[in-house]
Amino acid sequence: MQRYLPTRRGDEYYAVASGGLGFALPASVGVALARPGRRVICVIGDGSAMYAIQSLWTAAQLNLPLTVVVLNNGGYGAMRAFSRRFNIGTLPGIDLAGLDFVALARGHGCDGIRVERASDLAAALRQALTAERPVVVEVLTSQEVTRLN
């Protein structure tokens, strides 16, 4: 992410010190409120987004300049990775099949764009980053588990 969204100042990137499922979306709404006139970009996984999806309603009601990029791999990817790393086996309840973040965005009053191919991502981001209202960009990704360091 830093390769494409480099931070140049200390007040341009916000995160928690450790994992925090559900933190990014409401925190991004808060940052957008605290930084009027500045576009805020939230990058979040599908599982984490479901912890506070109602934050989209607030963003829409306040017409915040917020772009939410939801990386949709159909479940809790971190939990998949941890279960493999620690040889736990298949964990119940970590798959989130069938979630439609474009529909969820629209249902909360935001615009939504689905990206199914990597070649379509740049155009979707350009559209979202220039919008006058909150936009959710749902990026369908692989469910493949990557190695944790």
N, C-alpha and C. Protein backbone atom coordinates (compact mmCIF):
# COMPACT_ATOMS: atom_id res chain seq x y z
N MET A 1 0.82 -1.18 0.00
CA MET A 1 0.00 0.00 0.00
C MET A 1 0.87 1.26 0.00
N GLN A 2 1.96 1.22 0.75
CA GLN A 2 2.82 2.41 0.81
C GLN A 2 3.43 2.75 -0.55
N ARG A 3 3.58 1.76 -1.40
CA ARG A 3 4.12 2.01 -2.74
C ARG A 3 3.19 2.92 -3.55
N TYR A 4 1.87 2.73 -3.40
CA TYR A 4 0.90 3.48 -4.18
C TYR A 4 0.29 4.66 -3.44
N LEU A 5 0.32 4.61 -2.12
CA LEU A 5 -0.20 5.69 -1.29
C LEU A 5 0.87 6.10 -0.28
N PRO A 6 1.96 6.68 -0.75
CA PRO A 6 3.04 7.02 0.18
C PRO A 6 2.61 8.12 1.16
N THR A 7 3.08 8.00 2.38
CA THR A 7 2.82 9.05 3.36
C THR A 7 4.04 9.95 3.42
N ARG A 8 3.79 11.22 3.35
CA ARG A 8 4.90 12.19 3.33
C ARG A 8 4.98 12.99 4.63
N ARG A 9 3.89 12.94 5.39
CA ARG A 9 3.85 13.68 6.65
C ARG A 9 3.28 12.78 7.73
N GLY A 10 3.53 13.11 8.95
CA GLY A 10 3.08 12.30 10.07
C GLY A 10 1.58 12.26 10.27
N ASP A 11 0.86 13.20 9.69
CA ASP A 11 -0.59 13.24 9.91
C ASP A 11 -1.38 12.73 8.70
N GLU A 12 -0.75 11.87 7.90
CA GLU A 12 -1.42 11.38 6.70
C GLU A 12 -1.80 9.91 6.75
N TYR A 13 -1.38 9.19 7.75
CA TYR A 13 -1.68 7.76 7.84
C TYR A 13 -2.07 7.44 9.27
N TYR A 14 -3.21 6.79 9.41
CA TYR A 14 -3.71 6.46 10.74
C TYR A 14 -3.93 4.95 10.83
N ALA A 15 -3.50 4.35 11.91
CA ALA A 15 -3.67 2.92 12.12
C ALA A 15 -3.61 2.65 13.61
N VAL A 16 -4.00 1.44 13.99
CA VAL A 16 -3.87 1.03 15.38
C VAL A 16 -2.52 0.36 15.56
N ALA A 17 -2.04 0.33 16.79
CA ALA A 17 -0.73 -0.26 17.06
C ALA A 17 -0.75 -1.77 16.89
N SER A 18 -1.89 -2.38 17.10
CA SER A 18 -2.03 -3.82 16.90
C SER A 18 -3.30 -4.05 16.10
N GLY A 19 -3.66 -5.28 15.86
CA GLY A 19 -4.87 -5.57 15.09
C GLY A 19 -6.09 -4.95 15.73
N GLY A 20 -7.02 -4.57 14.92
CA GLY A 20 -8.24 -3.98 15.43
C GLY A 20 -9.37 -4.15 14.43
N LEU A 21 -9.99 -5.32 14.41
CA LEU A 21 -11.08 -5.54 13.47
C LEU A 21 -12.17 -4.50 13.67
N GLY A 22 -12.57 -3.88 12.58
CA GLY A 22 -13.64 -2.91 12.62
C GLY A 22 -13.20 -1.49 12.89
N PHE A 23 -11.93 -1.26 13.11
CA PHE A 23 -11.42 0.07 13.45
C PHE A 23 -11.43 1.04 12.27
N ALA A 24 -11.01 0.57 11.11
CA ALA A 24 -10.69 1.47 9.99
C ALA A 24 -11.87 2.28 9.47
N LEU A 25 -13.02 1.68 9.34
CA LEU A 25 -14.14 2.40 8.73
C LEU A 25 -14.66 3.53 9.61
N PRO A 26 -15.01 3.29 10.87
CA PRO A 26 -15.44 4.43 11.69
C PRO A 26 -14.31 5.42 11.96
N ALA A 27 -13.09 4.94 12.05
CA ALA A 27 -11.96 5.86 12.24
C ALA A 27 -11.81 6.77 11.04
N SER A 28 -12.02 6.23 9.84
CA SER A 28 -11.91 7.04 8.62
C SER A 28 -12.99 8.12 8.57
N VAL A 29 -14.18 7.78 9.02
CA VAL A 29 -15.24 8.78 9.11
C VAL A 29 -14.81 9.88 10.08
N GLY A 30 -14.24 9.49 11.20
CA GLY A 30 -13.77 10.47 12.17
C GLY A 30 -12.67 11.36 11.62
N VAL A 31 -11.73 10.77 10.88
CA VAL A 31 -10.65 11.56 10.27
C VAL A 31 -11.23 12.53 9.25
N ALA A 32 -12.20 12.07 8.45
CA ALA A 32 -12.83 12.95 7.47
C ALA A 32 -13.54 14.12 8.14
N LEU A 33 -14.14 13.87 9.29
CA LEU A 33 -14.78 14.96 10.04
C LEU A 33 -13.74 15.92 10.60
N ALA A 34 -12.63 15.39 11.04
CA ALA A 34 -11.58 16.21 11.65
C ALA A 34 -10.75 16.98 10.61
N ARG A 35 -10.77 16.51 9.36
CA ARG A 35 -9.97 17.12 8.30
C ARG A 35 -10.87 17.59 7.16
N PRO A 36 -11.73 18.57 7.39
CA PRO A 36 -12.69 18.99 6.37
C PRO A 36 -11.99 19.37 5.05
N GLY A 37 -12.60 18.95 3.97
CA GLY A 37 -12.08 19.30 2.66
C GLY A 37 -10.99 18.38 2.13
N ARG A 38 -10.51 17.45 2.94
CA ARG A 38 -9.46 16.52 2.49
C ARG A 38 -10.06 15.16 2.21
N ARG A 39 -9.71 14.58 1.10
CA ARG A 39 -10.16 13.22 0.76
C ARG A 39 -9.49 12.24 1.69
N VAL A 40 -10.27 11.35 2.25
CA VAL A 40 -9.77 10.30 3.13
C VAL A 40 -9.95 8.97 2.40
N ILE A 41 -8.93 8.14 2.46
CA ILE A 41 -8.97 6.82 1.83
C ILE A 41 -8.88 5.77 2.93
N CYS A 42 -9.85 4.90 2.95
CA CYS A 42 -9.89 3.80 3.92
C CYS A 42 -9.66 2.50 3.15
N VAL A 43 -8.66 1.74 3.53
CA VAL A 43 -8.42 0.42 2.94
C VAL A 43 -8.73 -0.59 4.03
N ILE A 44 -9.67 -1.49 3.74
CA ILE A 44 -10.18 -2.39 4.77
C ILE A 44 -10.56 -3.73 4.15
N GLY A 45 -10.46 -4.78 4.92
CA GLY A 45 -10.89 -6.09 4.47
C GLY A 45 -12.39 -6.25 4.64
N ASP A 46 -12.94 -7.23 3.92
CA ASP A 46 -14.38 -7.46 3.98
C ASP A 46 -14.86 -7.84 5.38
N GLY A 47 -14.13 -8.69 6.07
CA GLY A 47 -14.53 -9.08 7.41
C GLY A 47 -14.50 -7.92 8.38
N SER A 48 -13.45 -7.15 8.32
CA SER A 48 -13.32 -5.99 9.21
C SER A 48 -14.41 -4.96 8.92
N ALA A 49 -14.73 -4.77 7.65
CA ALA A 49 -15.76 -3.79 7.29
C ALA A 49 -17.11 -4.14 7.91
N MET A 50 -17.40 -5.43 8.04
CA MET A 50 -18.69 -5.84 8.56
C MET A 50 -18.88 -5.51 10.05
N TYR A 51 -17.80 -5.20 10.74
CA TYR A 51 -17.92 -4.82 12.16
C TYR A 51 -18.56 -3.45 12.34
N ALA A 52 -18.45 -2.60 11.34
CA ALA A 52 -18.97 -1.23 11.49
C ALA A 52 -19.45 -0.67 10.14
N ILE A 53 -20.14 -1.52 9.36
CA ILE A 53 -20.58 -1.10 8.04
C ILE A 53 -21.52 0.10 8.10
N GLN A 54 -22.21 0.28 9.23
CA GLN A 54 -23.12 1.40 9.38
C GLN A 54 -22.40 2.75 9.34
N SER A 55 -21.10 2.74 9.43
CA SER A 55 -20.33 3.99 9.29
C SER A 55 -20.54 4.61 7.91
N LEU A 56 -20.86 3.79 6.92
CA LEU A 56 -21.14 4.31 5.58
C LEU A 56 -22.35 5.25 5.60
N TRP A 57 -23.34 4.93 6.42
CA TRP A 57 -24.52 5.78 6.53
C TRP A 57 -24.14 7.17 7.03
N THR A 58 -23.30 7.21 8.04
CA THR A 58 -22.84 8.50 8.57
C THR A 58 -22.10 9.28 7.51
N ALA A 59 -21.19 8.60 6.78
CA ALA A 59 -20.43 9.27 5.71
C ALA A 59 -21.36 9.84 4.66
N ALA A 60 -22.40 9.08 4.30
CA ALA A 60 -23.35 9.55 3.29
C ALA A 60 -24.18 10.72 3.80
N GLN A 61 -24.65 10.63 5.05
CA GLN A 61 -25.47 11.70 5.61
C GLN A 61 -24.71 13.02 5.69
N LEU A 62 -23.40 12.92 5.96
CA LEU A 62 -22.57 14.12 6.10
C LEU A 62 -21.83 14.46 4.81
N ASN A 63 -22.06 13.66 3.76
CA ASN A 63 -21.44 13.87 2.45
C ASN A 63 -19.92 14.05 2.57
N LEU A 64 -19.30 13.13 3.26
CA LEU A 64 -17.86 13.21 3.51
C LEU A 64 -17.06 12.79 2.29
N PRO A 65 -15.90 13.41 2.07
CA PRO A 65 -15.02 13.02 0.96
C PRO A 65 -14.23 11.76 1.31
N LEU A 66 -14.91 10.63 1.27
CA LEU A 66 -14.35 9.37 1.74
C LEU A 66 -14.40 8.33 0.62
N THR A 67 -13.26 7.71 0.38
CA THR A 67 -13.18 6.57 -0.53
C THR A 67 -12.83 5.36 0.32
N VAL A 68 -13.69 4.34 0.27
CA VAL A 68 -13.47 3.12 1.03
C VAL A 68 -13.14 2.00 0.05
N VAL A 69 -11.96 1.44 0.17
CA VAL A 69 -11.53 0.33 -0.67
C VAL A 69 -11.67 -0.94 0.16
N VAL A 70 -12.64 -1.77 -0.20
CA VAL A 70 -12.89 -3.02 0.51
C VAL A 70 -12.23 -4.16 -0.26
N LEU A 71 -11.26 -4.79 0.35
CA LEU A 71 -10.60 -5.94 -0.25
C LEU A 71 -11.41 -7.17 0.13
N ASN A 72 -12.16 -7.68 -0.83
CA ASN A 72 -13.11 -8.75 -0.57
C ASN A 72 -12.53 -10.10 -0.98
N ASN A 73 -12.04 -10.83 0.01
CA ASN A 73 -11.53 -12.18 -0.25
C ASN A 73 -12.47 -13.25 0.30
N GLY A 74 -13.70 -12.85 0.60
CA GLY A 74 -14.71 -13.81 1.02
C GLY A 74 -14.54 -14.34 2.43
N GLY A 75 -13.86 -13.60 3.28
CA GLY A 75 -13.72 -14.07 4.65
C GLY A 75 -12.65 -13.35 5.43
N TYR A 76 -12.38 -13.87 6.59
CA TYR A 76 -11.36 -13.30 7.46
C TYR A 76 -10.00 -13.88 7.07
N GLY A 77 -9.32 -13.21 6.15
CA GLY A 77 -8.05 -13.70 5.61
C GLY A 77 -6.98 -13.87 6.69
N ALA A 78 -6.94 -12.97 7.64
CA ALA A 78 -5.95 -13.08 8.71
C ALA A 78 -6.18 -14.35 9.53
N MET A 79 -7.43 -14.66 9.77
CA MET A 79 -7.74 -15.88 10.53
C MET A 79 -7.39 -17.13 9.72
N ARG A 80 -7.60 -17.07 8.41
CA ARG A 80 -7.17 -18.19 7.56
C ARG A 80 -5.67 -18.39 7.66
N ALA A 81 -4.95 -17.28 7.59
CA ALA A 81 -3.48 -17.35 7.66
C ALA A 81 -3.01 -17.87 9.02
N PHE A 82 -3.60 -17.36 10.10
CA PHE A 82 -3.21 -17.82 11.43
C PHE A 82 -3.50 -19.31 11.61
N SER A 83 -4.65 -19.76 11.10
CA SER A 83 -4.99 -21.18 11.27
C SER A 83 -3.99 -22.07 10.55
N ARG A 84 -3.48 -21.61 9.42
CA ARG A 84 -2.46 -22.39 8.71
C ARG A 84 -1.11 -22.30 9.41
N ARG A 85 -0.77 -21.11 9.83
CA ARG A 85 0.54 -20.92 10.46
C ARG A 85 0.68 -21.76 11.72
N PHE A 86 -0.40 -21.86 12.48
CA PHE A 86 -0.35 -22.59 13.75
C PHE A 86 -0.97 -23.98 13.65
N ASN A 87 -1.17 -24.45 12.41
CA ASN A 87 -1.70 -25.80 12.16
C ASN A 87 -2.96 -26.09 12.95
N ILE A 88 -3.87 -25.15 12.95
CA ILE A 88 -5.13 -25.30 13.68
C ILE A 88 -6.16 -26.07 12.85
N GLY A 89 -6.02 -26.02 11.55
CA GLY A 89 -7.02 -26.64 10.68
C GLY A 89 -8.06 -25.61 10.28
N THR A 90 -9.15 -26.08 9.76
CA THR A 90 -10.22 -25.19 9.30
C THR A 90 -10.99 -24.65 10.49
N LEU A 91 -11.12 -23.34 10.53
CA LEU A 91 -11.86 -22.68 11.61
C LEU A 91 -13.29 -22.40 11.15
N PRO A 92 -14.26 -22.62 11.99
CA PRO A 92 -15.64 -22.30 11.61
C PRO A 92 -15.89 -20.81 11.66
N GLY A 93 -16.78 -20.33 10.80
CA GLY A 93 -17.24 -18.95 10.87
C GLY A 93 -16.32 -17.91 10.27
N ILE A 94 -15.29 -18.32 9.51
CA ILE A 94 -14.39 -17.30 8.96
C ILE A 94 -14.64 -17.02 7.48
N ASP A 95 -15.56 -17.76 6.88
CA ASP A 95 -15.92 -17.49 5.49
C ASP A 95 -17.10 -16.55 5.44
N LEU A 96 -17.03 -15.59 4.53
CA LEU A 96 -18.10 -14.60 4.37
C LEU A 96 -18.56 -14.59 2.92
N ALA A 97 -19.12 -15.68 2.49
CA ALA A 97 -19.54 -15.81 1.10
C ALA A 97 -20.76 -14.95 0.81
N GLY A 98 -20.78 -14.39 -0.40
CA GLY A 98 -21.97 -13.72 -0.90
C GLY A 98 -22.18 -12.28 -0.48
N LEU A 99 -21.25 -11.68 0.23
CA LEU A 99 -21.43 -10.27 0.60
C LEU A 99 -21.26 -9.39 -0.64
N ASP A 100 -22.14 -8.43 -0.80
CA ASP A 100 -22.13 -7.52 -1.94
C ASP A 100 -21.93 -6.11 -1.40
N PHE A 101 -20.69 -5.64 -1.42
CA PHE A 101 -20.39 -4.33 -0.82
C PHE A 101 -20.89 -3.16 -1.66
N VAL A 102 -21.10 -3.38 -2.94
CA VAL A 102 -21.72 -2.32 -3.76
C VAL A 102 -23.16 -2.12 -3.31
N ALA A 103 -23.88 -3.22 -3.11
CA ALA A 103 -25.26 -3.13 -2.62
C ALA A 103 -25.30 -2.55 -1.21
N LEU A 104 -24.37 -2.98 -0.34
CA LEU A 104 -24.32 -2.42 1.01
C LEU A 104 -24.04 -0.92 0.97
N ALA A 105 -23.13 -0.49 0.10
CA ALA A 105 -22.82 0.94 -0.03
C ALA A 105 -24.07 1.71 -0.45
N ARG A 106 -24.73 1.23 -1.48
CA ARG A 106 -25.92 1.93 -1.98
C ARG A 106 -27.03 1.93 -0.94
N GLY A 107 -27.16 0.85 -0.22
CA GLY A 107 -28.18 0.77 0.83
C GLY A 107 -27.94 1.76 1.96
N HIS A 108 -26.69 2.18 2.13
CA HIS A 108 -26.36 3.16 3.16
C HIS A 108 -26.24 4.57 2.59
N GLY A 109 -26.53 4.75 1.29
CA GLY A 109 -26.53 6.07 0.68
C GLY A 109 -25.24 6.47 0.00
N CYS A 110 -24.31 5.54 -0.18
CA CYS A 110 -23.04 5.82 -0.86
C CYS A 110 -23.07 5.25 -2.27
N ASP A 111 -22.15 5.69 -3.09
CA ASP A 111 -21.96 5.08 -4.39
C ASP A 111 -21.08 3.85 -4.21
N GLY A 112 -21.17 2.92 -5.15
CA GLY A 112 -20.35 1.72 -5.07
C GLY A 112 -19.87 1.29 -6.45
N ILE A 113 -18.65 0.78 -6.48
CA ILE A 113 -18.03 0.28 -7.71
C ILE A 113 -17.41 -1.07 -7.38
N ARG A 114 -17.66 -2.06 -8.23
CA ARG A 114 -17.04 -3.38 -8.05
C ARG A 114 -15.91 -3.55 -9.05
N VAL A 115 -14.79 -4.03 -8.58
CA VAL A 115 -13.62 -4.31 -9.42
C VAL A 115 -13.38 -5.81 -9.37
N GLU A 116 -13.52 -6.45 -10.53
CA GLU A 116 -13.31 -7.89 -10.62
C GLU A 116 -11.99 -8.25 -11.27
N ARG A 117 -11.40 -7.32 -12.02
CA ARG A 117 -10.13 -7.56 -12.71
C ARG A 117 -9.14 -6.47 -12.32
N ALA A 118 -7.90 -6.86 -12.12
CA ALA A 118 -6.86 -5.91 -11.72
C ALA A 118 -6.75 -4.77 -12.72
N SER A 119 -6.97 -5.06 -13.99
CA SER A 119 -6.85 -4.03 -15.02
C SER A 119 -7.91 -2.93 -14.89
N ASP A 120 -8.97 -3.17 -14.13
CA ASP A 120 -10.02 -2.17 -13.94
C ASP A 120 -9.83 -1.33 -12.68
N LEU A 121 -8.85 -1.67 -11.87
CA LEU A 121 -8.69 -0.99 -10.58
C LEU A 121 -8.34 0.48 -10.73
N ALA A 122 -7.41 0.83 -11.58
CA ALA A 122 -6.98 2.23 -11.71
C ALA A 122 -8.14 3.14 -12.09
N ALA A 123 -8.95 2.72 -13.04
CA ALA A 123 -10.10 3.54 -13.48
C ALA A 123 -11.12 3.69 -12.35
N ALA A 124 -11.35 2.61 -11.61
CA ALA A 124 -12.30 2.67 -10.49
C ALA A 124 -11.81 3.63 -9.41
N LEU A 125 -10.51 3.56 -9.12
CA LEU A 125 -9.96 4.46 -8.10
C LEU A 125 -10.00 5.91 -8.56
N ARG A 126 -9.70 6.16 -9.83
CA ARG A 126 -9.80 7.54 -10.34
C ARG A 126 -11.22 8.08 -10.17
N GLN A 127 -12.20 7.26 -10.51
CA GLN A 127 -13.60 7.67 -10.38
C GLN A 127 -13.94 7.94 -8.91
N ALA A 128 -13.55 7.04 -8.04
CA ALA A 128 -13.87 7.19 -6.61
C ALA A 128 -13.17 8.38 -5.99
N LEU A 129 -11.92 8.60 -6.35
CA LEU A 129 -11.13 9.67 -5.72
C LEU A 129 -11.52 11.06 -6.19
N THR A 130 -12.28 11.15 -7.26
CA THR A 130 -12.73 12.46 -7.75
C THR A 130 -14.21 12.70 -7.48
N ALA A 131 -14.88 11.75 -6.86
CA ALA A 131 -16.30 11.88 -6.57
C ALA A 131 -16.54 12.95 -5.51
N GLU A 132 -17.70 13.53 -5.56
CA GLU A 132 -18.08 14.56 -4.59
C GLU A 132 -18.74 13.97 -3.35
N ARG A 133 -18.84 12.66 -3.29
CA ARG A 133 -19.53 12.00 -2.19
C ARG A 133 -18.78 10.72 -1.80
N PRO A 134 -19.17 10.06 -0.74
CA PRO A 134 -18.49 8.83 -0.35
C PRO A 134 -18.71 7.72 -1.38
N VAL A 135 -17.64 6.98 -1.65
CA VAL A 135 -17.69 5.89 -2.62
C VAL A 135 -16.99 4.67 -2.03
N VAL A 136 -17.62 3.51 -2.21
CA VAL A 136 -17.02 2.25 -1.83
C VAL A 136 -16.54 1.55 -3.09
N VAL A 137 -15.27 1.17 -3.10
CA VAL A 137 -14.70 0.40 -4.21
C VAL A 137 -14.47 -1.01 -3.67
N GLU A 138 -15.28 -1.94 -4.13
CA GLU A 138 -15.14 -3.33 -3.71
C GLU A 138 -14.19 -4.02 -4.69
N VAL A 139 -13.08 -4.52 -4.17
CA VAL A 139 -12.08 -5.19 -5.00
C VAL A 139 -12.12 -6.68 -4.66
N LEU A 140 -12.58 -7.48 -5.63
CA LEU A 140 -12.63 -8.92 -5.42
C LEU A 140 -11.21 -9.47 -5.51
N THR A 141 -10.80 -10.18 -4.49
CA THR A 141 -9.45 -10.73 -4.44
C THR A 141 -9.50 -12.23 -4.24
N SER A 142 -8.37 -12.84 -4.33
CA SER A 142 -8.26 -14.28 -4.14
C SER A 142 -8.44 -14.65 -2.68
N GLN A 143 -8.94 -15.85 -2.44
CA GLN A 143 -9.02 -16.35 -1.07
C GLN A 143 -7.72 -17.02 -0.65
N GLU A 144 -6.76 -17.08 -1.55
CA GLU A 144 -5.49 -17.73 -1.26
C GLU A 144 -4.82 -17.07 -0.08
N VAL A 145 -4.33 -17.87 0.81
CA VAL A 145 -3.65 -17.38 2.01
C VAL A 145 -2.20 -17.12 1.68
N THR A 146 -1.73 -15.94 2.02
CA THR A 146 -0.31 -15.63 1.83
C THR A 146 0.43 -15.90 3.13
N ARG A 147 1.72 -16.02 3.02
CA ARG A 147 2.57 -16.32 4.17
C ARG A 147 2.67 -15.12 5.10
N LEU A 148 2.52 -15.35 6.38
CA LEU A 148 2.73 -14.30 7.38
C LEU A 148 4.17 -14.38 7.84
N ASN A 149 4.81 -13.24 7.96
CA ASN A 149 6.20 -13.20 8.44
C ASN A 149 6.26 -13.28 9.94
